[in-house]
N, C-alpha and C. Protein backbone atom coordinates (compact mmCIF):
# COMPACT_ATOMS: atom_id res chain seq x y z
N MET A 1 -43.92 -22.35 5.36
CA MET A 1 -44.06 -21.24 4.46
C MET A 1 -43.76 -19.91 5.17
N GLY A 2 -44.30 -19.73 6.36
CA GLY A 2 -44.10 -18.50 7.11
C GLY A 2 -42.64 -18.31 7.50
N LYS A 3 -41.95 -19.42 7.85
CA LYS A 3 -40.54 -19.32 8.22
C LYS A 3 -39.69 -18.90 7.02
N LYS A 4 -40.06 -19.38 5.82
CA LYS A 4 -39.32 -18.99 4.62
C LYS A 4 -39.48 -17.50 4.35
N ILE A 5 -40.67 -16.98 4.53
CA ILE A 5 -40.92 -15.57 4.28
C ILE A 5 -40.14 -14.72 5.29
N ILE A 6 -40.17 -15.13 6.55
CA ILE A 6 -39.43 -14.39 7.58
C ILE A 6 -37.93 -14.45 7.29
N GLY A 7 -37.44 -15.62 6.91
CA GLY A 7 -36.02 -15.79 6.58
C GLY A 7 -35.61 -14.92 5.40
N MET A 8 -36.45 -14.90 4.37
CA MET A 8 -36.16 -14.08 3.19
C MET A 8 -36.20 -12.59 3.55
N PHE A 9 -37.12 -12.21 4.45
CA PHE A 9 -37.21 -10.82 4.88
C PHE A 9 -35.92 -10.39 5.58
N PHE A 10 -35.44 -11.21 6.51
CA PHE A 10 -34.21 -10.88 7.23
C PHE A 10 -32.99 -10.88 6.30
N LEU A 11 -32.95 -11.81 5.36
CA LEU A 11 -31.86 -11.83 4.39
C LEU A 11 -31.86 -10.55 3.55
N GLY A 12 -33.04 -10.14 3.11
CA GLY A 12 -33.17 -8.90 2.36
C GLY A 12 -32.77 -7.69 3.18
N LEU A 13 -33.16 -7.69 4.46
CA LEU A 13 -32.81 -6.59 5.35
C LEU A 13 -31.29 -6.51 5.56
N LEU A 14 -30.65 -7.66 5.75
CA LEU A 14 -29.20 -7.68 5.90
C LEU A 14 -28.50 -7.21 4.62
N THR A 15 -28.99 -7.65 3.47
CA THR A 15 -28.41 -7.23 2.20
C THR A 15 -28.55 -5.72 2.02
N PHE A 16 -29.72 -5.19 2.33
CA PHE A 16 -29.95 -3.75 2.23
C PHE A 16 -29.00 -2.99 3.17
N ALA A 17 -28.88 -3.47 4.40
CA ALA A 17 -28.02 -2.80 5.37
C ALA A 17 -26.56 -2.80 4.90
N PHE A 18 -26.10 -3.91 4.32
CA PHE A 18 -24.74 -3.99 3.83
C PHE A 18 -24.49 -2.96 2.73
N PHE A 19 -25.38 -2.93 1.74
CA PHE A 19 -25.19 -2.00 0.63
C PHE A 19 -25.40 -0.55 1.05
N ALA A 20 -26.28 -0.32 2.00
CA ALA A 20 -26.48 1.05 2.49
C ALA A 20 -25.24 1.54 3.22
N TRP A 21 -24.57 0.65 3.96
CA TRP A 21 -23.37 1.02 4.69
C TRP A 21 -22.18 1.22 3.75
N SER A 22 -22.17 0.51 2.61
CA SER A 22 -21.03 0.54 1.70
C SER A 22 -21.06 1.74 0.77
N THR A 23 -21.38 2.89 1.29
CA THR A 23 -21.34 4.11 0.50
C THR A 23 -19.90 4.52 0.30
N PRO A 24 -19.60 5.32 -0.71
CA PRO A 24 -18.21 5.77 -0.90
C PRO A 24 -17.63 6.44 0.35
N GLU A 25 -18.45 7.19 1.08
CA GLU A 25 -17.95 7.86 2.28
C GLU A 25 -17.51 6.86 3.33
N ASN A 26 -18.32 5.81 3.55
CA ASN A 26 -17.97 4.80 4.55
C ASN A 26 -16.78 3.97 4.11
N LEU A 27 -16.68 3.67 2.82
CA LEU A 27 -15.53 2.91 2.35
C LEU A 27 -14.26 3.74 2.50
N GLU A 28 -14.34 5.04 2.29
CA GLU A 28 -13.18 5.92 2.46
C GLU A 28 -12.74 5.93 3.92
N LYS A 29 -13.70 5.94 4.85
CA LYS A 29 -13.36 5.90 6.27
C LYS A 29 -12.65 4.60 6.61
N LYS A 30 -13.13 3.50 6.02
CA LYS A 30 -12.54 2.19 6.30
C LYS A 30 -11.12 2.11 5.73
N LYS A 31 -10.86 2.81 4.64
CA LYS A 31 -9.57 2.77 3.98
C LYS A 31 -8.45 3.16 4.95
N ALA A 32 -8.61 4.26 5.66
CA ALA A 32 -7.73 4.69 6.76
C ALA A 32 -6.27 4.94 6.37
N TYR A 33 -5.97 5.09 5.12
CA TYR A 33 -4.66 5.58 4.70
C TYR A 33 -4.92 6.67 3.67
N VAL A 34 -3.90 7.46 3.38
CA VAL A 34 -4.07 8.62 2.51
C VAL A 34 -3.29 8.43 1.22
N ASP A 35 -3.92 8.71 0.10
CA ASP A 35 -3.23 8.72 -1.18
C ASP A 35 -2.53 10.07 -1.34
N ILE A 36 -1.29 10.02 -1.82
CA ILE A 36 -0.58 11.27 -2.10
C ILE A 36 -0.17 11.26 -3.57
N THR A 37 0.08 12.44 -4.11
CA THR A 37 0.50 12.58 -5.50
C THR A 37 2.02 12.53 -5.60
N VAL A 38 2.50 12.36 -6.81
CA VAL A 38 3.96 12.36 -7.01
C VAL A 38 4.55 13.72 -6.65
N GLN A 39 3.80 14.79 -6.91
CA GLN A 39 4.29 16.12 -6.57
C GLN A 39 4.42 16.27 -5.05
N GLN A 40 3.46 15.73 -4.32
CA GLN A 40 3.55 15.79 -2.86
C GLN A 40 4.76 14.99 -2.36
N LEU A 41 4.95 13.79 -2.92
CA LEU A 41 6.09 12.98 -2.49
C LEU A 41 7.40 13.69 -2.84
N ASN A 42 7.51 14.26 -4.01
CA ASN A 42 8.73 14.96 -4.40
C ASN A 42 9.05 16.07 -3.40
N LYS A 43 8.05 16.81 -2.99
CA LYS A 43 8.24 17.88 -2.00
C LYS A 43 8.66 17.30 -0.65
N MET A 44 8.02 16.19 -0.26
CA MET A 44 8.34 15.56 1.02
C MET A 44 9.77 15.04 1.05
N LEU A 45 10.28 14.57 -0.09
CA LEU A 45 11.63 14.01 -0.15
C LEU A 45 12.70 15.08 0.11
N LYS A 46 12.36 16.34 -0.10
CA LYS A 46 13.33 17.42 0.13
C LYS A 46 13.62 17.61 1.61
N GLU A 47 12.66 17.26 2.46
CA GLU A 47 12.85 17.31 3.92
C GLU A 47 12.31 16.00 4.49
N LYS A 48 12.98 14.93 4.16
CA LYS A 48 12.49 13.58 4.44
C LYS A 48 12.40 13.30 5.94
N ASP A 49 11.19 12.97 6.38
CA ASP A 49 10.94 12.61 7.77
C ASP A 49 10.03 11.38 7.86
N PHE A 50 10.22 10.45 6.94
CA PHE A 50 9.35 9.28 6.84
C PHE A 50 10.15 8.10 6.31
N THR A 51 9.55 6.93 6.39
CA THR A 51 10.13 5.72 5.83
C THR A 51 9.48 5.48 4.47
N LEU A 52 10.30 5.33 3.44
CA LEU A 52 9.81 5.10 2.08
C LEU A 52 10.04 3.64 1.71
N ILE A 53 8.94 2.94 1.40
CA ILE A 53 9.01 1.50 1.15
C ILE A 53 8.46 1.16 -0.22
N ASN A 54 9.28 0.44 -1.00
CA ASN A 54 8.87 -0.09 -2.30
C ASN A 54 8.32 -1.50 -2.06
N VAL A 55 7.07 -1.74 -2.41
CA VAL A 55 6.46 -3.04 -2.17
C VAL A 55 6.24 -3.83 -3.47
N HIS A 56 6.75 -3.28 -4.57
CA HIS A 56 6.51 -3.94 -5.87
C HIS A 56 7.38 -5.18 -6.03
N ILE A 57 6.78 -6.24 -6.51
CA ILE A 57 7.52 -7.43 -6.92
C ILE A 57 7.06 -7.83 -8.31
N PRO A 58 7.98 -8.24 -9.17
CA PRO A 58 9.43 -8.28 -8.98
C PRO A 58 10.04 -6.88 -9.09
N TYR A 59 11.33 -6.79 -8.81
CA TYR A 59 12.01 -5.50 -8.88
C TYR A 59 11.80 -4.87 -10.25
N ASP A 60 11.40 -3.60 -10.23
CA ASP A 60 11.14 -2.89 -11.48
C ASP A 60 11.56 -1.43 -11.35
N GLY A 61 12.62 -1.19 -10.59
CA GLY A 61 13.10 0.16 -10.37
C GLY A 61 12.70 0.66 -8.99
N GLU A 62 13.16 1.89 -8.69
CA GLU A 62 12.88 2.45 -7.38
C GLU A 62 12.94 3.97 -7.43
N ILE A 63 12.27 4.58 -6.50
CA ILE A 63 12.30 6.03 -6.34
C ILE A 63 13.52 6.36 -5.47
N PRO A 64 14.25 7.43 -5.82
CA PRO A 64 15.40 7.81 -4.99
C PRO A 64 15.01 7.95 -3.51
N GLN A 65 15.93 7.62 -2.64
CA GLN A 65 15.79 7.69 -1.18
C GLN A 65 14.88 6.60 -0.60
N THR A 66 14.65 5.54 -1.38
CA THR A 66 13.87 4.42 -0.85
C THR A 66 14.64 3.77 0.30
N ASP A 67 13.94 3.54 1.40
CA ASP A 67 14.57 2.97 2.59
C ASP A 67 14.54 1.46 2.63
N SER A 68 13.48 0.89 2.08
CA SER A 68 13.31 -0.55 2.24
C SER A 68 12.51 -1.14 1.09
N PHE A 69 12.73 -2.42 0.87
CA PHE A 69 11.99 -3.20 -0.11
C PHE A 69 11.33 -4.35 0.62
N ILE A 70 10.02 -4.31 0.68
CA ILE A 70 9.26 -5.38 1.34
C ILE A 70 8.14 -5.77 0.39
N PRO A 71 8.05 -7.02 -0.02
CA PRO A 71 6.97 -7.43 -0.92
C PRO A 71 5.60 -7.09 -0.33
N TYR A 72 4.72 -6.62 -1.18
CA TYR A 72 3.39 -6.18 -0.73
C TYR A 72 2.64 -7.24 0.05
N ASP A 73 2.87 -8.50 -0.27
CA ASP A 73 2.15 -9.59 0.39
C ASP A 73 2.94 -10.20 1.56
N LYS A 74 4.04 -9.54 1.95
CA LYS A 74 4.88 -10.04 3.05
C LYS A 74 5.07 -8.97 4.13
N ILE A 75 4.17 -8.00 4.18
CA ILE A 75 4.29 -6.90 5.14
C ILE A 75 4.30 -7.42 6.58
N GLU A 76 3.33 -8.24 6.92
CA GLU A 76 3.23 -8.74 8.30
C GLU A 76 4.44 -9.57 8.68
N GLU A 77 4.94 -10.39 7.75
CA GLU A 77 6.10 -11.23 8.05
C GLU A 77 7.36 -10.40 8.26
N ASN A 78 7.35 -9.15 7.79
CA ASN A 78 8.52 -8.27 7.90
C ASN A 78 8.27 -7.13 8.88
N ALA A 79 7.43 -7.35 9.85
CA ALA A 79 7.09 -6.30 10.83
C ALA A 79 8.34 -5.77 11.53
N ASP A 80 9.37 -6.60 11.67
CA ASP A 80 10.59 -6.15 12.33
C ASP A 80 11.37 -5.13 11.50
N ARG A 81 11.03 -4.99 10.24
CA ARG A 81 11.70 -4.03 9.36
C ARG A 81 10.91 -2.72 9.23
N LEU A 82 9.79 -2.65 9.92
CA LEU A 82 8.94 -1.46 9.92
C LEU A 82 9.24 -0.61 11.14
N PRO A 83 8.88 0.67 11.10
CA PRO A 83 9.07 1.51 12.29
C PRO A 83 8.34 0.90 13.50
N GLN A 84 8.95 1.00 14.65
CA GLN A 84 8.34 0.46 15.86
C GLN A 84 7.15 1.30 16.32
N GLU A 85 7.25 2.61 16.11
CA GLU A 85 6.16 3.49 16.52
C GLU A 85 5.02 3.40 15.51
N LYS A 86 3.83 3.12 15.99
CA LYS A 86 2.67 2.94 15.10
C LYS A 86 2.20 4.24 14.46
N ASN A 87 2.63 5.38 14.99
CA ASN A 87 2.24 6.65 14.38
C ASN A 87 3.34 7.22 13.46
N ALA A 88 4.38 6.44 13.21
CA ALA A 88 5.45 6.88 12.31
C ALA A 88 4.90 7.02 10.89
N LYS A 89 5.40 8.04 10.20
CA LYS A 89 4.95 8.28 8.82
C LYS A 89 5.63 7.27 7.90
N ILE A 90 4.81 6.55 7.12
CA ILE A 90 5.30 5.54 6.18
C ILE A 90 4.68 5.83 4.82
N VAL A 91 5.53 5.93 3.79
CA VAL A 91 5.05 6.10 2.42
C VAL A 91 5.31 4.79 1.67
N ILE A 92 4.25 4.27 1.07
CA ILE A 92 4.30 3.00 0.36
C ILE A 92 4.11 3.25 -1.13
N TYR A 93 4.88 2.54 -1.95
CA TYR A 93 4.66 2.64 -3.40
C TYR A 93 4.99 1.33 -4.09
N CYS A 94 4.47 1.20 -5.31
CA CYS A 94 4.80 0.08 -6.19
C CYS A 94 4.82 0.64 -7.61
N ARG A 95 4.64 -0.19 -8.60
CA ARG A 95 4.70 0.29 -9.98
C ARG A 95 3.47 1.11 -10.35
N SER A 96 2.28 0.63 -10.00
CA SER A 96 1.07 1.33 -10.44
C SER A 96 0.17 1.78 -9.29
N ASP A 97 0.29 1.25 -8.16
CA ASP A 97 -0.37 1.47 -6.88
C ASP A 97 -1.35 0.37 -6.50
N ARG A 98 -1.45 -0.69 -7.30
CA ARG A 98 -2.30 -1.82 -6.93
C ARG A 98 -1.71 -2.57 -5.73
N MET A 99 -0.44 -2.91 -5.79
CA MET A 99 0.20 -3.63 -4.69
C MET A 99 0.35 -2.75 -3.46
N SER A 100 0.62 -1.47 -3.67
CA SER A 100 0.79 -0.58 -2.52
C SER A 100 -0.53 -0.32 -1.80
N ASN A 101 -1.65 -0.36 -2.52
CA ASN A 101 -2.95 -0.26 -1.86
C ASN A 101 -3.15 -1.42 -0.90
N ILE A 102 -2.81 -2.62 -1.36
CA ILE A 102 -2.94 -3.82 -0.53
C ILE A 102 -2.03 -3.71 0.69
N ALA A 103 -0.78 -3.31 0.46
CA ALA A 103 0.18 -3.17 1.56
C ALA A 103 -0.28 -2.10 2.55
N SER A 104 -0.84 -1.00 2.04
CA SER A 104 -1.31 0.07 2.92
C SER A 104 -2.44 -0.40 3.82
N VAL A 105 -3.36 -1.16 3.28
CA VAL A 105 -4.45 -1.72 4.09
C VAL A 105 -3.87 -2.63 5.17
N ASN A 106 -2.90 -3.45 4.80
CA ASN A 106 -2.27 -4.35 5.79
C ASN A 106 -1.60 -3.56 6.91
N LEU A 107 -0.91 -2.48 6.55
CA LEU A 107 -0.26 -1.65 7.58
C LEU A 107 -1.29 -1.05 8.53
N VAL A 108 -2.39 -0.57 7.99
CA VAL A 108 -3.45 0.00 8.83
C VAL A 108 -4.02 -1.09 9.74
N GLU A 109 -4.23 -2.28 9.20
CA GLU A 109 -4.73 -3.39 10.02
C GLU A 109 -3.74 -3.78 11.10
N MET A 110 -2.45 -3.52 10.88
CA MET A 110 -1.42 -3.81 11.88
C MET A 110 -1.34 -2.71 12.94
N GLY A 111 -2.12 -1.64 12.75
CA GLY A 111 -2.17 -0.58 13.74
C GLY A 111 -1.44 0.70 13.37
N TYR A 112 -0.84 0.77 12.19
CA TYR A 112 -0.15 1.98 11.77
C TYR A 112 -1.19 3.05 11.42
N THR A 113 -0.94 4.27 11.86
CA THR A 113 -1.94 5.33 11.74
C THR A 113 -1.53 6.46 10.80
N ASN A 114 -0.33 6.40 10.23
CA ASN A 114 0.16 7.49 9.39
C ASN A 114 0.73 6.90 8.10
N VAL A 115 -0.15 6.19 7.37
CA VAL A 115 0.25 5.48 6.15
C VAL A 115 -0.16 6.30 4.94
N LEU A 116 0.81 6.53 4.05
CA LEU A 116 0.57 7.28 2.82
C LEU A 116 0.89 6.38 1.63
N ASN A 117 0.01 6.38 0.64
CA ASN A 117 0.17 5.56 -0.55
C ASN A 117 0.41 6.47 -1.76
N LEU A 118 1.45 6.19 -2.53
CA LEU A 118 1.74 6.98 -3.72
C LEU A 118 0.76 6.61 -4.83
N LYS A 119 -0.17 7.49 -5.10
CA LYS A 119 -1.18 7.26 -6.13
C LYS A 119 -0.52 7.18 -7.50
N GLY A 120 -0.76 6.08 -8.21
CA GLY A 120 -0.17 5.90 -9.54
C GLY A 120 1.21 5.27 -9.54
N GLY A 121 1.82 5.19 -8.35
CA GLY A 121 3.10 4.51 -8.19
C GLY A 121 4.23 5.05 -9.06
N MET A 122 5.17 4.14 -9.38
CA MET A 122 6.34 4.54 -10.17
C MET A 122 5.96 4.99 -11.58
N LYS A 123 4.87 4.46 -12.11
CA LYS A 123 4.44 4.91 -13.44
C LYS A 123 4.10 6.39 -13.42
N ALA A 124 3.34 6.82 -12.42
CA ALA A 124 2.98 8.23 -12.31
C ALA A 124 4.21 9.08 -12.00
N TRP A 125 5.10 8.55 -11.17
CA TRP A 125 6.34 9.26 -10.82
C TRP A 125 7.14 9.55 -12.10
N LYS A 126 7.34 8.53 -12.90
CA LYS A 126 8.10 8.67 -14.14
C LYS A 126 7.37 9.56 -15.14
N ALA A 127 6.06 9.39 -15.28
CA ALA A 127 5.26 10.19 -16.22
C ALA A 127 5.30 11.68 -15.86
N SER A 128 5.53 12.00 -14.59
CA SER A 128 5.62 13.39 -14.15
C SER A 128 7.01 13.98 -14.34
N GLY A 129 7.92 13.18 -14.88
CA GLY A 129 9.26 13.67 -15.17
C GLY A 129 10.28 13.45 -14.09
N TYR A 130 9.93 12.71 -13.04
CA TYR A 130 10.87 12.43 -11.96
C TYR A 130 11.67 11.17 -12.29
N ALA A 131 12.87 11.10 -11.76
CA ALA A 131 13.79 10.00 -12.08
C ALA A 131 13.48 8.76 -11.25
N LEU A 132 13.66 7.63 -11.90
CA LEU A 132 13.66 6.33 -11.23
C LEU A 132 15.08 5.79 -11.28
N ILE A 133 15.43 5.00 -10.30
CA ILE A 133 16.73 4.35 -10.27
C ILE A 133 16.52 2.90 -10.67
N TYR A 134 17.36 2.41 -11.56
CA TYR A 134 17.31 1.01 -11.97
C TYR A 134 18.65 0.38 -11.65
N LYS A 135 18.61 -0.68 -10.89
CA LYS A 135 19.83 -1.42 -10.57
C LYS A 135 20.07 -2.40 -11.71
N GLU A 136 21.00 -2.06 -12.61
CA GLU A 136 21.23 -2.88 -13.80
C GLU A 136 21.71 -4.28 -13.46
N ASN A 137 22.39 -4.42 -12.35
CA ASN A 137 22.92 -5.73 -11.99
C ASN A 137 21.89 -6.58 -11.23
N ARG A 138 20.68 -6.10 -11.14
CA ARG A 138 19.64 -6.85 -10.43
C ARG A 138 18.69 -7.48 -11.44
N ASP A 139 18.84 -8.77 -11.66
CA ASP A 139 17.86 -9.40 -12.54
C ASP A 139 16.65 -9.82 -11.73
N LYS A 140 15.58 -10.18 -12.41
CA LYS A 140 14.32 -10.47 -11.73
C LYS A 140 14.43 -11.69 -10.82
N ASN A 141 15.24 -12.68 -11.19
CA ASN A 141 15.40 -13.84 -10.31
C ASN A 141 16.06 -13.45 -9.00
N TYR A 142 17.07 -12.57 -9.09
CA TYR A 142 17.72 -12.11 -7.88
C TYR A 142 16.72 -11.37 -6.99
N TRP A 143 15.97 -10.47 -7.60
CA TRP A 143 14.99 -9.69 -6.83
C TRP A 143 13.95 -10.60 -6.20
N ASN A 144 13.46 -11.58 -6.95
CA ASN A 144 12.46 -12.49 -6.39
C ASN A 144 13.01 -13.23 -5.18
N LYS A 145 14.25 -13.66 -5.24
CA LYS A 145 14.87 -14.34 -4.09
C LYS A 145 14.99 -13.40 -2.90
N GLN A 146 15.44 -12.16 -3.16
CA GLN A 146 15.59 -11.18 -2.09
C GLN A 146 14.23 -10.79 -1.52
N ALA A 147 13.24 -10.65 -2.39
CA ALA A 147 11.90 -10.25 -1.95
C ALA A 147 11.30 -11.32 -1.05
N MET A 148 11.53 -12.57 -1.37
CA MET A 148 10.99 -13.64 -0.54
C MET A 148 11.61 -13.61 0.85
N LYS A 149 12.84 -13.13 0.93
CA LYS A 149 13.51 -12.99 2.24
C LYS A 149 13.18 -11.65 2.87
N GLY A 150 12.56 -10.75 2.11
CA GLY A 150 12.27 -9.42 2.62
C GLY A 150 13.48 -8.52 2.56
N GLY A 151 14.44 -8.83 1.68
CA GLY A 151 15.67 -8.07 1.61
C GLY A 151 15.66 -6.98 0.56
N ARG A 152 16.70 -6.19 0.58
CA ARG A 152 16.87 -5.10 -0.39
C ARG A 152 17.67 -5.64 -1.56
N PRO A 153 17.24 -5.34 -2.78
CA PRO A 153 18.01 -5.81 -3.95
C PRO A 153 19.35 -5.12 -4.05
């Protein structure tokens, strides 16, 4: 009986510690990448000094001056297509920012320290009046095949 009470006490203490640590401030620190707005990205594109990567699959358009297409779930497998310097500025985007959030976390876990995520993705970009490029000759099957290889459509 006493061992059960002690065990339950420690379990409760661990649960409390976990939830106490998981404050929004601590989760933001763990995030370790920065969300940027479409207006910020548009300004940055005028004096481009970063790598712009579309991580959305399947292909659903692209922002002008995109450098690379790497599926959000294949970032590590395509490390050779990323900047060699871990402090290089990298901007990640997808259609809505769900996939780019995942890719951004992966980049941070790989040691990249200057990762920027486009908040709202291509949807926000288009809603703000900025142009998207659509490759009409790229059907979804083609893009899926290229994405699996880590290639550009």
